[in-house]
Amino acid sequence: MAASPQFAKETTLFCLLLLTVSACSGFSQGANNVSSTSNECPEKPQGKLSSNNVQLVSLDGPTVTESGILSPDKNQGYAFEAKSGQKISYKTKEDICIWVYSPQNQLLKSKVLPQAGKYTIQLASRQGVQTFELEMGLDTPLQTSPSPTHNTTTANLSLSQAAVTSAPHRPAADEFVKNYYLSLKNHNYSDTWSKLSPKFQSLSTGGYSDYLQWWNSVSDIRIGNIHLVNQSSDAALVDAELYYIMNSGSNFKDSYKRIYLVWSDEKNSWLFERKFSP
């Protein structure tokens, strides 16, 4: 039986409605896909990194934390020295893009650094103005020792045991830190200045005079809990709770409570290498 003209008209309108809804739905999904793709980090930075915005950092010790502000017209960079085979690790917010460049200014796809030299980390905001907090560190891959063979002799085993036994003994790093701040309380500034590594001393642009000027502005130091975090023959980590009372009457707590120490054979002493917030 042939369909009535009215039925054919309604069927045509229904089909047109379906096509319209499908087309709109497809357009909406396509728009969402484009938006999602635009939020992904590009393979290469689109903005330029000014040399004025590159800061030199040392990743020889524990993890370093840096913070700042990124904008569409401002990228931030950090340059660091590394050895061949070391692995760079970093952590920040998901809406920050990160790239790593080799000493030859080549973009790296792997976190394992292929050669010794100065590398650069570049940060950029995905959109708008963003604050960031970046944790960076270098890991040295563990060297796999060869499996012992049947030819290993008792003499070789004895030699290895002797090497472990002869590891140098170092004084307690937490006691060193405590004595350092006691010396500061007693205004023995020339002595405490000598307990800073050359790298730490270089942080004071005016050298010893700036160091002296700062501590002369401190009326008293309240020493709280001092805790040894870790210690080896070459380096140590110590947490120290410190409160400064200034000549102006103000007082504040030292937010850089974690102290990284290195051992100096020349001075036969621990030296302050860096202070940072854990």
C-alpha atoms as a PDB file:
ATOM      1  CA  MET A   1       0.000   0.000   0.000  1.00  0.00           C
ATOM      2  CA  ALA A   2       1.422   3.437  -0.949  1.00  0.00           C
ATOM      3  CA  ALA A   3       2.286   5.828   1.908  1.00  0.00           C
ATOM      4  CA  SER A   4       0.108   8.899   2.324  1.00  0.00           C
ATOM      5  CA  PRO A   5       1.563  12.293   1.401  1.00  0.00           C
ATOM      6  CA  GLN A   6       1.321  13.392   5.051  1.00  0.00           C
ATOM      7  CA  PHE A   7       3.282  10.319   6.276  1.00  0.00           C
ATOM      8  CA  ALA A   8       6.000  10.901   3.637  1.00  0.00           C
ATOM      9  CA  LYS A   9       6.314  14.543   4.704  1.00  0.00           C
ATOM     10  CA  GLU A  10       6.666  13.651   8.403  1.00  0.00           C
ATOM     11  CA  THR A  11       9.235  10.972   7.583  1.00  0.00           C
ATOM     12  CA  THR A  12      11.300  13.479   5.592  1.00  0.00           C
ATOM     13  CA  LEU A  13      11.213  16.014   8.441  1.00  0.00           C
ATOM     14  CA  PHE A  14      12.246  13.327  10.954  1.00  0.00           C
ATOM     15  CA  CYS A  15      15.238  12.324   8.798  1.00  0.00           C
ATOM     16  CA  LEU A  16      16.325  15.934   8.415  1.00  0.00           C
ATOM     17  CA  LEU A  17      16.118  16.341  12.210  1.00  0.00           C
ATOM     18  CA  LEU A  18      18.309  13.271  12.734  1.00  0.00           C
ATOM     19  CA  LEU A  19      20.909  14.564  10.273  1.00  0.00           C
ATOM     20  CA  THR A  20      20.971  17.942  12.006  1.00  0.00           C
ATOM     21  CA  VAL A  21      21.422  16.437  15.479  1.00  0.00           C
ATOM     22  CA  SER A  22      24.150  14.065  14.241  1.00  0.00           C
ATOM     23  CA  ALA A  23      25.999  16.878  12.505  1.00  0.00           C
ATOM     24  CA  CYS A  24      25.866  19.088  15.595  1.00  0.00           C
ATOM     25  CA  SER A  25      27.006  16.224  17.804  1.00  0.00           C
ATOM     26  CA  GLY A  26      29.905  15.482  15.479  1.00  0.00           C
ATOM     27  CA  PHE A  27      30.947  19.145  15.407  1.00  0.00           C
ATOM     28  CA  SER A  28      30.868  19.342  19.191  1.00  0.00           C
ATOM     29  CA  GLN A  29      33.098  16.288  19.597  1.00  0.00           C
ATOM     30  CA  GLY A  30      35.502  17.629  17.009  1.00  0.00           C
ATOM     31  CA  ALA A  31      35.761  20.935  18.881  1.00  0.00           C
ATOM     32  CA  ASN A  32      36.485  19.109  22.123  1.00  0.00           C
ATOM     33  CA  ASN A  33      39.231  17.092  20.465  1.00  0.00           C
ATOM     34  CA  VAL A  34      40.894  20.250  19.167  1.00  0.00           C
ATOM     35  CA  SER A  35      40.714  21.823  22.612  1.00  0.00           C
ATOM     36  CA  SER A  36      42.272  18.745  24.225  1.00  0.00           C
ATOM     37  CA  THR A  37      45.101  18.665  21.697  1.00  0.00           C
ATOM     38  CA  SER A  38      45.879  22.355  22.189  1.00  0.00           C
ATOM     39  CA  ASN A  39      46.500  21.741  25.901  1.00  0.00           C
ATOM     40  CA  GLU A  40      49.265  19.231  25.199  1.00  0.00           C
ATOM     41  CA  CYS A  41      52.899  20.328  25.236  1.00  0.00           C
ATOM     42  CA  PRO A  42      54.466  20.679  21.777  1.00  0.00           C
ATOM     43  CA  GLU A  43      57.538  18.646  20.894  1.00  0.00           C
ATOM     44  CA  LYS A  44      59.578  21.840  20.666  1.00  0.00           C
ATOM     45  CA  PRO A  45      59.178  25.109  22.611  1.00  0.00           C
ATOM     46  CA  GLN A  46      57.274  27.775  20.724  1.00  0.00           C
ATOM     47  CA  GLY A  47      58.621  30.656  22.810  1.00  0.00           C
ATOM     48  CA  LYS A  48      62.222  31.822  23.027  1.00  0.00           C
ATOM     49  CA  LEU A  49      64.286  31.471  26.202  1.00  0.00           C
ATOM     50  CA  SER A  50      66.163  34.670  27.022  1.00  0.00           C
ATOM     51  CA  SER A  51      69.615  34.279  28.555  1.00  0.00           C
ATOM     52  CA  ASN A  52      68.492  36.702  31.268  1.00  0.00           C
ATOM     53  CA  ASN A  53      65.924  34.107  32.351  1.00  0.00           C
ATOM     54  CA  VAL A  54      68.413  31.219  32.673  1.00  0.00           C
ATOM     55  CA  GLN A  55      69.588  30.524  36.216  1.00  0.00           C
ATOM     56  CA  LEU A  56      72.601  28.360  37.048  1.00  0.00           C
ATOM     57  CA  VAL A  57      71.841  25.653  39.624  1.00  0.00           C
ATOM     58  CA  SER A  58      73.900  22.851  41.156  1.00  0.00           C
ATOM     59  CA  LEU A  59      72.369  19.387  41.180  1.00  0.00           C
ATOM     60  CA  ASP A  60      75.361  17.680  42.797  1.00  0.00           C
ATOM     61  CA  GLY A  61      73.566  17.137  46.085  1.00  0.00           C
ATOM     62  CA  PRO A  62      69.945  16.535  47.108  1.00  0.00           C
ATOM     63  CA  THR A  63      66.906  17.564  45.106  1.00  0.00           C
ATOM     64  CA  VAL A  64      66.749  21.301  44.363  1.00  0.00           C
ATOM     65  CA  THR A  65      63.432  23.191  44.385  1.00  0.00           C
ATOM     66  CA  GLU A  66      62.948  26.387  42.378  1.00  0.00           C
ATOM     67  CA  SER A  67      59.814  28.480  41.933  1.00  0.00           C
ATOM     68  CA  GLY A  68      58.664  31.430  39.860  1.00  0.00           C
ATOM     69  CA  ILE A  69      56.091  32.793  37.424  1.00  0.00           C
ATOM     70  CA  LEU A  70      55.649  31.929  33.748  1.00  0.00           C
ATOM     71  CA  SER A  71      53.705  33.892  31.145  1.00  0.00           C
ATOM     72  CA  PRO A  72      53.108  33.516  27.390  1.00  0.00           C
ATOM     73  CA  ASP A  73      56.008  35.884  26.654  1.00  0.00           C
ATOM     74  CA  LYS A  74      58.347  34.635  29.385  1.00  0.00           C
ATOM     75  CA  ASN A  75      59.948  31.170  29.633  1.00  0.00           C
ATOM     76  CA  GLN A  76      62.234  30.170  32.490  1.00  0.00           C
ATOM     77  CA  GLY A  77      65.442  28.151  32.205  1.00  0.00           C
ATOM     78  CA  TYR A  78      67.852  26.376  34.563  1.00  0.00           C
ATOM     79  CA  ALA A  79      71.382  25.382  33.538  1.00  0.00           C
ATOM     80  CA  PHE A  80      73.314  22.653  35.340  1.00  0.00           C
ATOM     81  CA  GLU A  81      76.471  20.587  34.944  1.00  0.00           C
ATOM     82  CA  ALA A  82      76.122  16.816  34.589  1.00  0.00           C
ATOM     83  CA  LYS A  83      78.207  13.742  33.840  1.00  0.00           C
ATOM     84  CA  SER A  84      77.666  11.200  31.105  1.00  0.00           C
ATOM     85  CA  GLY A  85      75.099   8.578  32.051  1.00  0.00           C
ATOM     86  CA  GLN A  86      73.405  10.590  34.792  1.00  0.00           C
ATOM     87  CA  LYS A  87      69.608  10.778  34.739  1.00  0.00           C
ATOM     88  CA  ILE A  88      67.704  14.021  35.212  1.00  0.00           C
ATOM     89  CA  SER A  89      64.539  13.858  37.302  1.00  0.00           C
ATOM     90  CA  TYR A  90      62.026  16.670  37.689  1.00  0.00           C
ATOM     91  CA  LYS A  91      58.503  17.208  38.990  1.00  0.00           C
ATOM     92  CA  THR A  92      56.086  20.114  38.649  1.00  0.00           C
ATOM     93  CA  LYS A  93      52.436  20.915  37.911  1.00  0.00           C
ATOM     94  CA  GLU A  94      50.711  19.283  34.959  1.00  0.00           C
ATOM     95  CA  ASP A  95      50.030  22.606  33.232  1.00  0.00           C
ATOM     96  CA  ILE A  96      53.752  23.389  32.842  1.00  0.00           C
ATOM     97  CA  CYS A  97      55.749  22.216  29.801  1.00  0.00           C
ATOM     98  CA  ILE A  98      59.379  21.116  30.246  1.00  0.00           C
ATOM     99  CA  TRP A  99      62.156  20.482  27.723  1.00  0.00           C
ATOM    100  CA  VAL A 100      65.804  19.519  28.273  1.00  0.00           C
ATOM    101  CA  TYR A 101      68.646  20.629  25.981  1.00  0.00           C
ATOM    102  CA  SER A 102      72.078  19.021  25.602  1.00  0.00           C
ATOM    103  CA  PRO A 103      75.361  20.983  25.752  1.00  0.00           C
ATOM    104  CA  GLN A 104      75.099  21.229  21.918  1.00  0.00           C
ATOM    105  CA  ASN A 105      71.636  22.833  22.294  1.00  0.00           C
ATOM    106  CA  GLN A 106      69.879  19.713  20.990  1.00  0.00           C
ATOM    107  CA  LEU A 107      66.483  18.759  22.378  1.00  0.00           C
ATOM    108  CA  LEU A 108      66.638  15.493  24.336  1.00  0.00           C
ATOM    109  CA  LYS A 109      63.905  12.847  24.255  1.00  0.00           C
ATOM    110  CA  SER A 110      65.427  10.734  27.031  1.00  0.00           C
ATOM    111  CA  LYS A 111      66.101  11.709  30.646  1.00  0.00           C
ATOM    112  CA  VAL A 112      69.438   9.884  30.525  1.00  0.00           C
ATOM    113  CA  LEU A 113      72.128  12.473  29.759  1.00  0.00           C
ATOM    114  CA  PRO A 114      74.450  11.250  26.972  1.00  0.00           C
ATOM    115  CA  GLN A 115      77.614  13.220  27.782  1.00  0.00           C
ATOM    116  CA  ALA A 116      79.345  15.463  30.287  1.00  0.00           C
ATOM    117  CA  GLY A 117      78.652  19.185  30.022  1.00  0.00           C
ATOM    118  CA  LYS A 118      76.160  21.952  30.749  1.00  0.00           C
ATOM    119  CA  TYR A 119      72.486  21.129  30.159  1.00  0.00           C
ATOM    120  CA  THR A 120      69.490  23.462  30.162  1.00  0.00           C
ATOM    121  CA  ILE A 121      65.910  22.895  31.335  1.00  0.00           C
ATOM    122  CA  GLN A 122      63.306  25.166  29.725  1.00  0.00           C
ATOM    123  CA  LEU A 123      59.862  25.746  31.288  1.00  0.00           C
ATOM    124  CA  ALA A 124      56.825  27.286  29.616  1.00  0.00           C
ATOM    125  CA  SER A 125      53.202  27.860  30.585  1.00  0.00           C
ATOM    126  CA  ARG A 126      50.571  26.002  28.570  1.00  0.00           C
ATOM    127  CA  GLN A 127      48.252  28.958  28.772  1.00  0.00           C
ATOM    128  CA  GLY A 128      48.182  32.316  30.528  1.00  0.00           C
ATOM    129  CA  VAL A 129      50.211  33.324  33.557  1.00  0.00           C
ATOM    130  CA  GLN A 130      51.204  30.405  35.785  1.00  0.00           C
ATOM    131  CA  THR A 131      53.172  30.004  38.986  1.00  0.00           C
ATOM    132  CA  PHE A 132      55.393  26.958  39.257  1.00  0.00           C
ATOM    133  CA  GLU A 133      57.463  24.979  41.732  1.00  0.00           C
ATOM    134  CA  LEU A 134      60.028  22.710  40.103  1.00  0.00           C
ATOM    135  CA  GLU A 135      61.926  19.913  41.847  1.00  0.00           C
ATOM    136  CA  MET A 136      65.128  18.832  40.067  1.00  0.00           C
ATOM    137  CA  GLY A 137      67.744  16.216  40.763  1.00  0.00           C
ATOM    138  CA  LEU A 138      70.388  14.022  39.173  1.00  0.00           C
ATOM    139  CA  ASP A 139      70.589  10.277  39.659  1.00  0.00           C
ATOM    140  CA  THR A 140      73.659   8.209  38.830  1.00  0.00           C
ATOM    141  CA  PRO A 141      72.726   4.778  37.458  1.00  0.00           C
ATOM    142  CA  LEU A 142      73.869   1.934  39.656  1.00  0.00           C
ATOM    143  CA  GLN A 143      76.801   0.060  38.206  1.00  0.00           C
ATOM    144  CA  THR A 144      76.083  -3.633  37.949  1.00  0.00           C
ATOM    145  CA  SER A 145      78.930  -5.641  39.384  1.00  0.00           C
ATOM    146  CA  PRO A 146      79.995  -8.684  37.400  1.00  0.00           C
ATOM    147  CA  SER A 147      78.908 -12.005  38.819  1.00  0.00           C
ATOM    148  CA  PRO A 148      81.674 -13.695  40.780  1.00  0.00           C
ATOM    149  CA  THR A 149      83.378 -16.542  38.960  1.00  0.00           C
ATOM    150  CA  HIS A 150      84.855 -19.741  40.293  1.00  0.00           C
ATOM    151  CA  ASN A 151      88.313 -18.151  39.879  1.00  0.00           C
ATOM    152  CA  THR A 152      87.661 -15.594  42.650  1.00  0.00           C
ATOM    153  CA  THR A 153      90.335 -16.146  45.258  1.00  0.00           C
ATOM    154  CA  THR A 154      90.300 -15.809  49.005  1.00  0.00           C
ATOM    155  CA  ALA A 155      92.927 -13.069  48.647  1.00  0.00           C
ATOM    156  CA  ASN A 156      90.541 -10.956  46.524  1.00  0.00           C
ATOM    157  CA  LEU A 157      87.750 -11.378  49.076  1.00  0.00           C
ATOM    158  CA  SER A 158      90.092 -10.353  51.880  1.00  0.00           C
ATOM    159  CA  LEU A 159      91.119  -7.252  49.904  1.00  0.00           C
ATOM    160  CA  SER A 160      87.469  -6.185  49.475  1.00  0.00           C
ATOM    161  CA  GLN A 161      86.770  -6.653  53.179  1.00  0.00           C
ATOM    162  CA  ALA A 162      89.861  -4.610  54.039  1.00  0.00           C
ATOM    163  CA  ALA A 163      88.686  -1.757  51.788  1.00  0.00           C
ATOM    164  CA  VAL A 164      85.331  -1.610  53.594  1.00  0.00           C
ATOM    165  CA  THR A 165      87.014  -1.701  56.988  1.00  0.00           C
ATOM    166  CA  SER A 166      89.374   1.153  56.067  1.00  0.00           C
ATOM    167  CA  ALA A 167      86.580   3.600  55.138  1.00  0.00           C
ATOM    168  CA  PRO A 168      87.469   6.960  56.770  1.00  0.00           C
ATOM    169  CA  HIS A 169      85.675   7.964  59.939  1.00  0.00           C
ATOM    170  CA  ARG A 170      84.096  11.427  59.996  1.00  0.00           C
ATOM    171  CA  PRO A 171      82.924  13.401  63.034  1.00  0.00           C
ATOM    172  CA  ALA A 172      79.185  13.694  63.590  1.00  0.00           C
ATOM    173  CA  ALA A 173      77.774  16.235  61.125  1.00  0.00           C
ATOM    174  CA  ASP A 174      74.977  17.338  63.462  1.00  0.00           C
ATOM    175  CA  GLU A 175      77.523  18.232  66.167  1.00  0.00           C
ATOM    176  CA  PHE A 176      79.448  20.251  63.588  1.00  0.00           C
ATOM    177  CA  VAL A 177      76.309  22.245  62.704  1.00  0.00           C
ATOM    178  CA  LYS A 178      75.501  22.871  66.369  1.00  0.00           C
ATOM    179  CA  ASN A 179      79.038  24.121  67.086  1.00  0.00           C
ATOM    180  CA  TYR A 180      78.885  26.343  63.989  1.00  0.00           C
ATOM    181  CA  TYR A 181      75.824  28.212  65.273  1.00  0.00           C
ATOM    182  CA  LEU A 182      77.232  28.374  68.796  1.00  0.00           C
ATOM    183  CA  SER A 183      80.287  30.094  67.302  1.00  0.00           C
ATOM    184  CA  LEU A 184      77.970  32.534  65.521  1.00  0.00           C
ATOM    185  CA  LYS A 185      76.241  33.295  68.842  1.00  0.00           C
ATOM    186  CA  ASN A 186      79.690  34.112  70.246  1.00  0.00           C
ATOM    187  CA  HIS A 187      80.482  36.343  67.233  1.00  0.00           C
ATOM    188  CA  ASN A 188      83.399  34.206  66.028  1.00  0.00           C
ATOM    189  CA  TYR A 189      82.678  35.197  62.443  1.00  0.00           C
ATOM    190  CA  SER A 190      86.123  34.609  60.972  1.00  0.00           C
ATOM    191  CA  ASP A 191      85.972  31.020  62.233  1.00  0.00           C
ATOM    192  CA  THR A 192      82.449  30.391  60.939  1.00  0.00           C
ATOM    193  CA  TRP A 193      83.313  31.942  57.549  1.00  0.00           C
ATOM    194  CA  SER A 194      86.072  29.331  57.188  1.00  0.00           C
ATOM    195  CA  LYS A 195      83.452  26.595  57.708  1.00  0.00           C
ATOM    196  CA  LEU A 196      81.724  27.559  54.425  1.00  0.00           C
ATOM    197  CA  SER A 197      82.739  25.895  51.179  1.00  0.00           C
ATOM    198  CA  PRO A 198      84.060  28.141  48.358  1.00  0.00           C
ATOM    199  CA  LYS A 199      80.752  27.588  46.571  1.00  0.00           C
ATOM    200  CA  PHE A 200      78.749  28.724  49.607  1.00  0.00           C
ATOM    201  CA  GLN A 201      81.037  31.734  50.131  1.00  0.00           C
ATOM    202  CA  SER A 202      80.503  32.773  46.500  1.00  0.00           C
ATOM    203  CA  LEU A 203      76.775  33.217  47.215  1.00  0.00           C
ATOM    204  CA  SER A 204      77.692  36.348  49.149  1.00  0.00           C
ATOM    205  CA  THR A 205      78.377  38.835  46.362  1.00  0.00           C
ATOM    206  CA  GLY A 206      80.314  41.113  48.726  1.00  0.00           C
ATOM    207  CA  GLY A 207      82.294  38.242  50.194  1.00  0.00           C
ATOM    208  CA  TYR A 208      83.224  38.259  53.873  1.00  0.00           C
ATOM    209  CA  SER A 209      82.180  41.913  54.363  1.00  0.00           C
ATOM    210  CA  ASP A 210      78.572  41.148  53.390  1.00  0.00           C
ATOM    211  CA  TYR A 211      78.643  38.030  55.555  1.00  0.00           C
ATOM    212  CA  LEU A 212      79.895  40.094  58.493  1.00  0.00           C
ATOM    213  CA  GLN A 213      77.318  42.829  57.909  1.00  0.00           C
ATOM    214  CA  TRP A 214      74.453  40.321  57.947  1.00  0.00           C
ATOM    215  CA  TRP A 215      75.463  38.549  61.154  1.00  0.00           C
ATOM    216  CA  ASN A 216      76.181  41.856  62.885  1.00  0.00           C
ATOM    217  CA  SER A 217      72.514  42.693  62.281  1.00  0.00           C
ATOM    218  CA  VAL A 218      71.493  39.583  64.266  1.00  0.00           C
ATOM    219  CA  SER A 219      71.155  40.163  67.996  1.00  0.00           C
ATOM    220  CA  ASP A 220      70.749  36.515  68.986  1.00  0.00           C
ATOM    221  CA  ILE A 221      70.253  33.008  67.579  1.00  0.00           C
ATOM    222  CA  ARG A 222      67.902  30.522  69.211  1.00  0.00           C
ATOM    223  CA  ILE A 223      69.026  26.997  68.366  1.00  0.00           C
ATOM    224  CA  GLY A 224      66.260  24.395  68.346  1.00  0.00           C
ATOM    225  CA  ASN A 225      66.345  20.726  67.435  1.00  0.00           C
ATOM    226  CA  ILE A 226      69.286  19.626  65.273  1.00  0.00           C
ATOM    227  CA  HIS A 227      68.756  16.292  63.566  1.00  0.00           C
ATOM    228  CA  LEU A 228      71.132  14.198  61.458  1.00  0.00           C
ATOM    229  CA  VAL A 229      69.273  13.061  58.325  1.00  0.00           C
ATOM    230  CA  ASN A 230      72.065  11.204  56.551  1.00  0.00           C
ATOM    231  CA  GLN A 231      75.846  11.007  56.613  1.00  0.00           C
ATOM    232  CA  SER A 232      78.511   9.352  54.474  1.00  0.00           C
ATOM    233  CA  SER A 233      82.265   9.819  54.243  1.00  0.00           C
ATOM    234  CA  ASP A 234      81.916  12.660  51.712  1.00  0.00           C
ATOM    235  CA  ALA A 235      78.565  14.369  52.396  1.00  0.00           C
ATOM    236  CA  ALA A 236      75.896  14.811  55.040  1.00  0.00           C
ATOM    237  CA  LEU A 237      72.395  16.199  55.507  1.00  0.00           C
ATOM    238  CA  VAL A 238      71.359  17.926  58.732  1.00  0.00           C
ATOM    239  CA  ASP A 239      68.063  19.558  59.702  1.00  0.00           C
ATOM    240  CA  ALA A 240      68.386  22.523  62.076  1.00  0.00           C
ATOM    241  CA  GLU A 241      65.601  24.599  63.660  1.00  0.00           C
ATOM    242  CA  LEU A 242      66.921  28.152  63.954  1.00  0.00           C
ATOM    243  CA  TYR A 243      65.320  31.412  65.087  1.00  0.00           C
ATOM    244  CA  TYR A 244      66.929  34.816  64.516  1.00  0.00           C
ATOM    245  CA  ILE A 245      66.351  37.866  66.708  1.00  0.00           C
ATOM    246  CA  MET A 246      67.390  41.008  64.875  1.00  0.00           C
ATOM    247  CA  ASN A 247      68.818  44.249  66.261  1.00  0.00           C
ATOM    248  CA  SER A 248      65.680  45.963  64.953  1.00  0.00           C
ATOM    249  CA  GLY A 249      63.564  43.899  67.370  1.00  0.00           C
ATOM    250  CA  SER A 250      61.993  41.663  64.731  1.00  0.00           C
ATOM    251  CA  ASN A 251      62.467  37.906  64.760  1.00  0.00           C
ATOM    252  CA  PHE A 252      61.844  35.067  62.325  1.00  0.00           C
ATOM    253  CA  LYS A 253      62.386  31.354  61.797  1.00  0.00           C
ATOM    254  CA  ASP A 254      64.958  30.181  59.248  1.00  0.00           C
ATOM    255  CA  SER A 255      62.895  28.492  56.500  1.00  0.00           C
ATOM    256  CA  TYR A 256      66.012  26.893  54.985  1.00  0.00           C
ATOM    257  CA  LYS A 257      66.338  24.302  57.712  1.00  0.00           C
ATOM    258  CA  ARG A 258      68.070  21.561  55.685  1.00  0.00           C
ATOM    259  CA  ILE A 259      71.853  21.877  55.438  1.00  0.00           C
ATOM    260  CA  TYR A 260      73.976  20.013  52.891  1.00  0.00           C
ATOM    261  CA  LEU A 261      77.554  19.488  54.060  1.00  0.00           C
ATOM    262  CA  VAL A 262      80.626  18.266  52.180  1.00  0.00           C
ATOM    263  CA  TRP A 263      83.831  16.893  53.653  1.00  0.00           C
ATOM    264  CA  SER A 264      87.090  18.770  53.014  1.00  0.00           C
ATOM    265  CA  ASP A 265      90.281  16.735  53.286  1.00  0.00           C
ATOM    266  CA  GLU A 266      92.269  19.957  53.032  1.00  0.00           C
ATOM    267  CA  LYS A 267      90.645  21.453  56.147  1.00  0.00           C
ATOM    268  CA  ASN A 268      89.867  18.073  57.741  1.00  0.00           C
ATOM    269  CA  SER A 269      86.375  19.362  58.456  1.00  0.00           C
ATOM    270  CA  TRP A 270      82.806  19.464  57.269  1.00  0.00           C
ATOM    271  CA  LEU A 271      81.866  22.557  55.240  1.00  0.00           C
ATOM    272  CA  PHE A 272      78.507  24.176  54.529  1.00  0.00           C
ATOM    273  CA  GLU A 273      77.755  23.608  50.837  1.00  0.00           C
ATOM    274  CA  ARG A 274      74.085  24.656  50.593  1.00  0.00           C
ATOM    275  CA  LYS A 275      70.963  25.388  52.650  1.00  0.00           C
ATOM    276  CA  PHE A 276      67.470  24.766  51.350  1.00  0.00           C
ATOM    277  CA  SER A 277      63.891  24.024  52.348  1.00  0.00           C
ATOM    278  CA  PRO A 278      63.220  20.248  52.504  1.00  0.00           C
END
